Each structure stands twice: as structure tokens, then as C-alpha cells.
Amino acid sequence: MPTLAFWFHDLSPFALKISDGFGLRWYGLSYAAGFVVAYLFMRILAKRGLILIPADRIGDAMTWLILGVVVGGRLGYAIFYEPHLFTTFSSSFPWWGMFALNKGGMASHGGIAGVIVASWWISRGFKHESGQIVGKCSMLHVLDVMAVAAPPGLFFGRIANFINGELLGKIVAMPGEKGPWWAVQFPQEVLSSPMSKGGHRPALGEAQQHALDTLILKHALANDSFEQAYQRVLDQIERGGETGRRIAAELAPLISARHPSQLYQAFAEGIVLWVALMLIWRKPRVSGVVASWFLIIYGVLRVATEFWRLPDAQLTVQRIMGLSRGQWLSVLMVVAGFLLLAGSLAAARRVSPMQFVGGWGKRRSIPH
């Protein structure tokens, strides 16, 4: 298929589409995959005696972790990016904007805050059949465990962002221009507001705009809005086949080429971060050290990779002193990480004998 970049994005957000707007989405599967990997990883740690959460209670811990990620991620997104969701109600399912997860809208920073709350709850232990509390430990210990279990979920989430064609990267070639070999054309950009109004849709020339309008009109039904008509175009492209390839070839000269910033962040937050944390974890550490380095490394990587990613289009003020809202939240994470690291090391010096967590050998002492 003719393209002006390395690849023209034609992926469907549905792994299994049942009807228009309803089906099994890759975004939901990415969360499920992240939770499954975290569960299996924590089971390995528990069975090797490397963590204080009992192996038979990992499922209970995961329940709180899932709740923390979902609730924290959604609340964080609404608070930081779309406060109107709190007051958005409709007569159709799911009735409240906060519940409309099928339309996306999760903030990783909010999810991390939710994990912190879940870690506090897990650290209180679990009630045994005998009535005794088992698995009670320090909150810092649980945070360390969650830190090393989190990167796979971050990786899958960013891959889902790429599949959805959301969180677009910066433009490297305008519509009609040939982009570099590594760039990707995302047709979803047309659904955004114009760049002149803070959106992600680049301006088209008169002939280009006419070609786009003509293409959309071919697939529009009576009473369709612009968004509905264009979604029909995307649906055809996502179905593939000769018709999909033909439409994509017509649309390609009208779409910009961009940085695949979602893949940059998947690599940074999912692979680089996990490798770094595994290297830190391989030796016994004072409780809180691994979680501290998670905040520091994740924050630095997030600040760096977001220079290739555009801020959310709906924000009135997209950058403050050159940084996006996500970058400023990440800066706060780095600061919090260094404070936690200093506090953890200072507390360790007051503990006798010295207490450690981590390492791949038999567990040494773990603070309760």
C-alpha cells in the first residue's frame, strides 16, 4: 500500500468486535495481561520466600492492586485531565462519565497513587481461618514488591495506546510530505481538534481538504456527524481487504507522519525500567529502596519520552515552562523518589540488625 512513512496505522482497537462500539478491546486485554504477569511474578517471589505476602494470599493482594490501579487511574485522569467527567451524566449505559472506561481515559500517575493506597491496605495483612493475621509487613516492603511487578503492565498499556492510535507523537512530516522510514501515519488525528486550537490535526491545503471531505462523504450515512462519518472510514480501513487498502491509499497523502511515541514509552517504561529494577532487586536492599528507584527512574524516563509526545488536546494550558502536565507530575515523582530513598536509608541506620528485602537467594531479614 502506498504510504508516506514507514507504516500507515490500520489497527483496530477491538480484539473481537461484536457490534459498533462494543466488543473485546485491546486496551482491556492489556490491563488483564499486566495483572496476570504481576500475579505470576509475585507468586514466584512468595514461593521463594523473598516477600512476606503469603503465596496463598497473592490473589487477595491482586484484588486490592487491581482496585487501586483502576480507581486511581480513572480518578487521576478525571482530576488532572478531564474534570468534567465528574459531572457528565447521560440516559444511556454507563450513565456516568466516570464509568465510561470503554472510551479510554486512565492516568498512569493516578494508577500509581492507587497502588500506594492498595499497598498500605495489603501491608495490614490477611485474616487466617484461625483468626490470626498473616502476611503483615511494612508498607515499604509491599511497595517494593509492587514496583518490580508493575513494568510489564506499563508496557502492555503503552502497546494498547499504540493500537488505539491515541496519545499521538509529534509530527515529523506534514500531510503530503514524505516522512522518515521510522515514522507512522495515524489517521485518528483527523478526529482531533485543529492544531491552531491546541489539537493534533494539522492544517490541510484547499485541495487536500476537498479530497478529505470527498472521501468522507462517500462513506457517510444520512444524518451522520463528521465524527460518525469519519469513523466509518476508519472502520473500513481496520477491516482490511482490498477496500480497506484502497481507502487507506487515498487517505495516506492527507495524514501527517509522526513519532510513534507510544512505542518509545512502551520500551522505556516497560523494558528499560524493569531491567533497571531487576538489577537493583538482585541484591538485598533496605525496604523502600526499590520503590524509591521506581519513582526516580520512571519519572526521568517519562519526562524524557514525553518530549516526543503531544500533550492531551483537551487541556487549555498544555505546557507550563516548556513541560506538559504529565512531565510535571513525573518531576514530582522524581522528587518524591529521592525523598523516600533518603528516608529509607536513614531509617535503616537506626535499625539493628540491618534488615533487607530483595535478592534472588533465600530471604534474609525483612522488616515487619
Protein backbone atom coordinates (compact mmCIF):
# COMPACT_ATOMS: atom_id res chain seq x y z
CA MET A 1 0.00 0.00 0.00
CA PRO A 2 1.42 3.46 -0.90
CA THR A 3 2.49 5.36 2.20
CA LEU A 4 4.49 8.47 3.02
CA ALA A 5 6.01 6.94 6.17
CA PHE A 6 7.18 3.59 7.43
CA TRP A 7 3.65 2.44 8.13
CA PHE A 8 0.04 3.65 7.86
CA HIS A 9 -1.78 2.75 11.07
CA ASP A 10 -4.68 0.41 10.28
CA LEU A 11 -5.10 -1.49 13.54
CA SER A 12 -8.49 -1.95 15.18
CA PRO A 13 -8.89 -1.17 18.89
CA PHE A 14 -11.02 -4.34 19.10
CA ALA A 15 -9.53 -7.79 19.52
CA LEU A 16 -13.07 -9.07 18.98
CA LYS A 17 -15.74 -6.70 17.72
CA ILE A 18 -19.32 -7.73 18.46
CA SER A 19 -21.12 -4.63 17.24
CA ASP A 20 -20.41 -0.94 16.57
CA GLY A 21 -18.61 0.43 19.59
CA PHE A 22 -18.87 -2.81 21.57
CA GLY A 23 -16.54 -5.77 21.87
CA LEU A 24 -13.35 -7.03 23.47
CA ARG A 25 -10.81 -4.22 23.31
CA TRP A 26 -7.04 -4.50 23.28
CA TYR A 27 -6.95 -1.80 25.97
CA GLY A 28 -8.86 -4.01 28.41
CA LEU A 29 -6.76 -7.03 27.46
CA SER A 30 -3.58 -5.04 28.13
CA TYR A 31 -4.70 -4.41 31.71
CA ALA A 32 -5.61 -8.06 32.13
CA ALA A 33 -2.22 -9.16 30.77
CA GLY A 34 -0.40 -6.79 33.13
CA PHE A 35 -2.30 -8.11 36.14
CA VAL A 36 -1.70 -11.75 35.14
CA VAL A 37 2.05 -11.20 34.78
CA ALA A 38 2.16 -9.34 38.11
CA TYR A 39 0.28 -12.19 39.79
CA LEU A 40 2.60 -14.87 38.40
CA PHE A 41 5.70 -12.83 39.24
CA MET A 42 4.57 -12.20 42.82
CA ARG A 43 3.75 -15.92 43.23
CA ILE A 44 7.33 -16.76 42.25
CA LEU A 45 8.70 -14.28 44.78
CA ALA A 46 6.39 -15.59 47.51
CA LYS A 47 7.20 -19.26 46.88
CA ARG A 48 10.92 -18.50 47.04
CA GLY A 49 10.44 -16.77 50.37
CA LEU A 50 11.53 -13.40 49.02
CA ILE A 51 8.46 -11.46 50.14
CA LEU A 52 6.22 -11.52 53.20
CA ILE A 53 2.94 -11.75 51.30
CA PRO A 54 1.99 -15.46 51.63
CA ALA A 55 1.82 -17.34 48.34
CA ASP A 56 -1.78 -18.39 49.01
CA ARG A 57 -2.77 -14.73 49.55
CA ILE A 58 -1.29 -13.29 46.36
CA GLY A 59 -4.77 -13.47 44.79
CA ASP A 60 -6.18 -11.36 47.63
CA ALA A 61 -3.35 -8.86 47.23
CA MET A 62 -4.03 -8.69 43.49
CA THR A 63 -7.68 -7.87 44.14
CA TRP A 64 -6.64 -4.76 46.05
CA LEU A 65 -3.97 -3.95 43.49
CA ILE A 66 -6.46 -4.12 40.61
CA LEU A 67 -8.91 -1.94 42.52
CA GLY A 68 -6.18 0.59 43.28
CA VAL A 69 -4.97 0.77 39.67
CA VAL A 70 -8.43 1.10 38.11
CA VAL A 71 -9.93 3.52 40.63
CA GLY A 72 -6.71 5.53 40.98
CA GLY A 73 -6.10 5.64 37.23
CA ARG A 74 -9.62 6.82 36.47
CA LEU A 75 -9.75 9.38 39.28
CA GLY A 76 -6.31 10.66 38.30
CA TYR A 77 -7.38 11.10 34.69
CA ALA A 78 -10.53 12.99 35.69
CA ILE A 79 -8.71 15.21 38.20
CA PHE A 80 -5.66 16.01 36.05
CA TYR A 81 -7.09 15.98 32.53
CA GLU A 82 -10.91 15.96 32.29
CA PRO A 83 -12.66 17.22 35.45
CA HIS A 84 -15.96 17.48 33.56
CA LEU A 85 -16.27 13.67 33.79
CA PHE A 86 -17.39 14.10 37.40
CA THR A 87 -20.48 16.00 36.25
CA THR A 88 -21.18 14.19 32.96
CA PHE A 89 -24.34 12.09 33.04
CA SER A 90 -26.43 10.51 30.28
CA SER A 91 -29.54 8.40 29.85
CA SER A 92 -27.59 5.51 28.30
CA PHE A 93 -25.18 2.98 29.78
CA PRO A 94 -22.92 3.51 31.72
CA TRP A 95 -24.83 6.70 32.66
CA TRP A 96 -21.94 8.47 34.47
CA GLY A 97 -18.89 9.76 32.61
CA MET A 98 -16.58 8.33 35.30
CA PHE A 99 -17.77 4.84 34.40
CA ALA A 100 -17.25 5.22 30.62
CA LEU A 101 -13.96 3.32 30.59
CA ASN A 102 -14.83 1.99 27.12
CA LYS A 103 -13.92 5.44 25.80
CA GLY A 104 -10.49 5.33 27.43
CA GLY A 105 -9.10 7.76 29.95
CA MET A 106 -6.70 6.34 32.54
CA ALA A 107 -3.78 8.26 34.05
CA SER A 108 -0.66 6.30 34.95
CA HIS A 109 0.19 8.77 37.71
CA GLY A 110 -3.25 8.23 39.23
CA GLY A 111 -2.79 4.47 38.91
CA ILE A 112 0.49 4.71 40.83
CA ALA A 113 -1.28 6.68 43.58
CA GLY A 114 -3.89 3.91 43.69
CA VAL A 115 -1.14 1.29 44.04
CA ILE A 116 0.27 3.19 47.03
CA VAL A 117 -3.12 3.10 48.76
CA ALA A 118 -3.54 -0.60 47.89
CA SER A 119 -0.04 -1.33 49.26
CA TRP A 120 -0.96 0.25 52.58
CA TRP A 121 -4.04 -1.97 52.80
CA ILE A 122 -2.12 -5.12 51.83
CA SER A 123 0.58 -4.38 54.41
CA ARG A 124 -2.06 -4.72 57.16
CA GLY A 125 -2.07 -8.46 56.49
CA PHE A 126 -4.81 -11.00 55.87
CA LYS A 127 -7.07 -12.77 58.32
CA HIS A 128 -6.39 -16.51 58.56
CA GLU A 129 -9.06 -19.14 59.24
CA SER A 130 -7.69 -19.39 62.78
CA GLY A 131 -8.43 -15.71 63.28
CA GLN A 132 -4.76 -14.72 63.22
CA ILE A 133 -3.39 -12.04 60.88
CA VAL A 134 -0.87 -13.37 58.36
CA GLY A 135 1.39 -11.52 55.97
CA LYS A 136 1.50 -8.32 57.98
CA CYS A 137 4.54 -6.27 56.99
CA SER A 138 5.78 -2.76 56.37
CA MET A 139 4.10 -0.72 53.66
CA LEU A 140 7.53 -0.03 52.15
CA HIS A 141 8.06 -3.76 51.70
CA VAL A 142 4.80 -4.06 49.74
CA LEU A 143 5.69 -1.01 47.65
CA ASP A 144 9.00 -2.63 46.72
CA VAL A 145 7.13 -5.73 45.56
CA MET A 146 4.63 -3.70 43.55
CA ALA A 147 7.45 -1.68 41.98
CA VAL A 148 9.15 -4.72 40.43
CA ALA A 149 5.79 -6.20 39.36
CA ALA A 150 4.47 -3.04 37.64
CA PRO A 151 6.59 -2.51 34.46
CA PRO A 152 5.00 -5.32 32.38
CA GLY A 153 1.61 -3.70 32.91
CA LEU A 154 3.02 -0.33 31.84
CA PHE A 155 4.45 -1.99 28.73
CA PHE A 156 1.15 -3.61 27.72
CA GLY A 157 -0.72 -0.37 28.38
CA ARG A 158 1.52 1.62 26.02
CA ILE A 159 1.19 -1.04 23.33
CA ALA A 160 -2.58 -0.68 23.66
CA ASN A 161 -2.21 3.11 23.31
CA PHE A 162 -0.39 2.48 20.02
CA ILE A 163 -3.05 0.07 18.78
CA ASN A 164 -5.76 2.62 19.65
CA GLY A 165 -3.91 5.38 17.80
CA GLU A 166 -4.04 7.64 20.87
CA LEU A 167 -1.51 9.78 22.77
CA LEU A 168 -0.04 10.87 19.45
CA GLY A 169 3.58 11.84 18.94
CA LYS A 170 4.97 14.98 17.37
CA ILE A 171 4.69 15.49 13.62
CA VAL A 172 7.84 14.91 11.57
CA ALA A 173 6.28 15.38 8.12
CA MET A 174 3.12 17.28 7.22
CA PRO A 175 0.35 15.75 5.07
CA GLY A 176 1.60 15.17 1.52
CA GLU A 177 5.27 15.21 2.58
CA LYS A 178 7.38 12.07 2.73
CA GLY A 179 8.23 11.11 6.27
CA PRO A 180 11.32 9.28 7.60
CA TRP A 181 11.48 5.48 7.49
CA TRP A 182 10.60 5.08 11.21
CA ALA A 183 7.56 7.40 11.26
CA VAL A 184 3.92 6.27 11.48
CA GLN A 185 0.79 7.84 9.99
CA PHE A 186 -2.15 7.83 12.39
CA PRO A 187 -5.49 8.50 10.62
CA GLN A 188 -7.04 9.05 14.07
CA GLU A 189 -5.53 12.56 14.05
CA VAL A 190 -8.46 13.77 11.92
CA LEU A 191 -10.81 13.24 14.88
CA SER A 192 -8.82 15.71 16.99
CA SER A 193 -9.33 19.46 17.01
CA PRO A 194 -7.10 21.60 14.74
CA MET A 195 -3.55 22.30 15.85
CA SER A 196 -4.36 26.02 15.72
CA LYS A 197 -6.75 25.38 18.64
CA GLY A 198 -4.39 23.17 20.61
CA GLY A 199 -5.44 19.90 18.96
CA HIS A 200 -3.48 17.34 16.96
CA ARG A 201 -4.99 17.78 13.49
CA PRO A 202 -2.66 19.62 11.09
CA ALA A 203 -4.00 22.14 8.62
CA LEU A 204 -4.65 20.91 5.07
CA GLY A 205 -4.40 22.80 1.82
CA GLU A 206 -7.58 23.60 -0.07
CA ALA A 207 -7.15 20.67 -2.47
CA GLN A 208 -6.26 18.31 0.38
CA GLN A 209 -9.29 19.36 2.43
CA HIS A 210 -11.54 18.85 -0.59
CA ALA A 211 -10.09 15.35 -1.10
CA LEU A 212 -10.70 14.51 2.57
CA ASP A 213 -14.28 15.82 2.52
CA THR A 214 -15.00 13.87 -0.66
CA LEU A 215 -13.60 10.66 0.81
CA ILE A 216 -15.63 11.02 4.00
CA LEU A 217 -18.79 11.87 2.07
CA LYS A 218 -18.52 8.61 0.14
CA HIS A 219 -18.97 6.63 3.35
CA ALA A 220 -21.35 8.91 5.27
CA LEU A 221 -24.93 7.95 6.01
CA ALA A 222 -27.83 10.37 6.29
CA ASN A 223 -27.71 12.43 9.50
CA ASP A 224 -24.13 11.33 10.27
CA SER A 225 -21.99 13.84 12.12
CA PHE A 226 -18.46 14.46 10.85
CA GLU A 227 -17.06 12.18 13.57
CA GLN A 228 -19.52 9.38 12.76
CA ALA A 229 -18.82 9.56 9.03
CA TYR A 230 -15.06 9.55 9.54
CA GLN A 231 -15.33 6.64 11.96
CA ARG A 232 -16.93 4.67 9.13
CA VAL A 233 -13.83 5.41 7.06
CA LEU A 234 -11.61 4.13 9.89
CA ASP A 235 -13.78 1.02 10.29
CA GLN A 236 -13.29 0.18 6.62
CA ILE A 237 -9.53 0.62 6.91
CA GLU A 238 -9.40 -1.55 10.04
CA ARG A 239 -11.35 -4.34 8.32
CA GLY A 240 -8.58 -4.55 5.74
CA GLY A 241 -9.09 -6.32 2.45
CA GLU A 242 -8.98 -4.64 -0.94
CA THR A 243 -11.50 -1.96 0.06
CA GLY A 244 -9.62 -1.08 3.22
CA ARG A 245 -6.29 -0.84 1.42
CA ARG A 246 -7.79 1.34 -1.29
CA ILE A 247 -9.28 3.77 1.21
CA ALA A 248 -6.03 3.87 3.18
CA ALA A 249 -4.12 4.66 -0.02
CA GLU A 250 -6.50 7.58 -0.70
CA LEU A 251 -6.20 8.85 2.87
CA ALA A 252 -2.42 8.47 3.31
CA PRO A 253 -1.46 11.70 1.43
CA LEU A 254 -3.81 13.62 3.76
CA ILE A 255 -2.28 12.34 7.04
CA SER A 256 0.89 13.56 8.74
CA ALA A 257 3.82 11.32 9.72
CA ARG A 258 4.61 11.21 13.45
CA HIS A 259 6.91 9.86 16.10
CA PRO A 260 5.46 6.54 17.38
CA SER A 261 5.80 7.93 20.90
CA GLN A 262 3.64 5.16 22.37
CA LEU A 263 6.31 2.63 21.36
CA TYR A 264 9.07 4.82 22.80
CA GLN A 265 7.23 4.86 26.11
CA ALA A 266 6.48 1.13 25.98
CA PHE A 267 10.21 0.45 25.60
CA ALA A 268 11.23 2.95 28.30
CA GLU A 269 8.55 2.27 30.92
CA GLY A 270 8.16 -1.45 30.27
CA ILE A 271 11.61 -2.76 29.34
CA VAL A 272 14.26 -0.25 30.44
CA LEU A 273 12.51 0.35 33.77
CA TRP A 274 12.06 -3.37 34.51
CA VAL A 275 15.67 -4.23 33.65
CA ALA A 276 16.90 -1.41 35.90
CA LEU A 277 14.69 -2.53 38.80
CA MET A 278 15.73 -6.16 38.36
CA LEU A 279 19.37 -5.11 38.61
CA ILE A 280 18.58 -3.22 41.81
CA TRP A 281 16.49 -6.09 43.19
CA ARG A 282 19.15 -8.74 42.56
CA LYS A 283 20.94 -7.71 45.76
CA PRO A 284 19.22 -7.41 49.16
CA ARG A 285 18.09 -3.84 49.74
CA VAL A 286 16.66 -1.87 52.61
CA SER A 287 12.85 -1.75 52.33
CA GLY A 288 11.76 1.31 50.35
CA VAL A 289 14.88 1.48 48.16
CA VAL A 290 13.39 -0.42 45.20
CA ALA A 291 10.18 1.64 45.33
CA SER A 292 12.27 4.81 45.52
CA TRP A 293 14.20 3.90 42.38
CA PHE A 294 10.95 3.04 40.62
CA LEU A 295 9.69 6.58 41.21
CA ILE A 296 13.01 8.11 40.17
CA ILE A 297 13.67 6.05 37.05
CA TYR A 298 10.05 6.04 35.86
CA GLY A 299 9.81 9.80 36.40
CA VAL A 300 13.01 10.52 34.47
CA LEU A 301 12.01 8.22 31.59
CA ARG A 302 8.53 9.73 31.44
CA VAL A 303 9.89 13.28 31.32
CA ALA A 304 12.34 12.31 28.56
CA THR A 305 9.91 10.38 26.33
CA GLU A 306 7.16 12.99 26.55
CA PHE A 307 9.31 15.40 24.56
CA TRP A 308 8.26 13.28 21.55
CA ARG A 309 4.62 13.03 22.65
CA LEU A 310 1.98 15.74 22.30
CA PRO A 311 0.06 16.93 25.40
CA ASP A 312 -3.60 15.97 25.70
CA ALA A 313 -5.57 18.03 23.19
CA GLN A 314 -8.41 18.89 25.60
CA LEU A 315 -6.13 20.81 28.00
CA THR A 316 -6.50 24.59 27.89
CA VAL A 317 -2.92 25.10 29.09
CA GLN A 318 -0.86 22.33 27.53
CA ARG A 319 2.63 23.29 28.67
CA ILE A 320 3.95 25.16 31.68
CA MET A 321 7.55 26.41 31.43
CA GLY A 322 8.06 24.07 28.47
CA LEU A 323 6.82 20.91 30.19
CA SER A 324 3.49 19.12 29.82
CA ARG A 325 1.24 18.30 32.75
CA GLY A 326 2.40 14.67 32.63
CA GLN A 327 6.03 15.78 32.76
CA TRP A 328 5.45 18.00 35.79
CA LEU A 329 3.72 15.12 37.58
CA SER A 330 6.74 12.98 36.71
CA VAL A 331 9.10 15.63 38.11
CA LEU A 332 7.16 15.42 41.39
CA MET A 333 7.59 11.63 41.28
CA VAL A 334 11.36 12.02 40.94
CA VAL A 335 11.45 14.39 43.91
CA ALA A 336 9.26 12.02 45.95
CA GLY A 337 11.55 9.13 44.98
CA PHE A 338 14.67 10.87 46.27
CA LEU A 339 12.91 11.86 49.50
CA LEU A 340 11.73 8.27 50.01
CA LEU A 341 15.22 6.95 49.26
CA ALA A 342 16.80 9.29 51.78
CA GLY A 343 14.18 8.42 54.39
CA SER A 344 14.55 4.66 53.83
CA LEU A 345 18.34 4.75 54.15
CA ALA A 346 18.17 6.99 57.22
CA ALA A 347 15.65 4.65 58.87
CA ALA A 348 17.88 1.64 58.10
CA ARG A 349 20.74 3.17 60.04
CA ARG A 350 18.52 3.25 63.12
CA VAL A 351 17.58 -0.44 62.79
CA SER A 352 19.67 -3.18 64.39
CA PRO A 353 20.31 -5.68 62.98
CA MET A 354 20.16 -4.32 59.46
CA GLN A 355 17.05 -5.51 57.59
CA PHE A 356 16.86 -6.25 53.88
CA VAL A 357 14.45 -7.18 51.10
CA GLY A 358 15.19 -8.36 47.58
CA GLY A 359 17.83 -10.63 46.12
CA TRP A 360 17.18 -13.93 44.37
CA GLY A 361 18.60 -16.17 47.06
CA LYS A 362 16.95 -17.24 50.29
CA ARG A 363 15.32 -14.33 52.07
CA ARG A 364 17.41 -12.63 54.69
CA SER A 365 15.57 -10.48 57.22
CA ILE A 366 12.57 -8.45 56.15
CA PRO A 367 11.21 -5.57 58.26
CA HIS A 368 7.76 -6.09 59.72
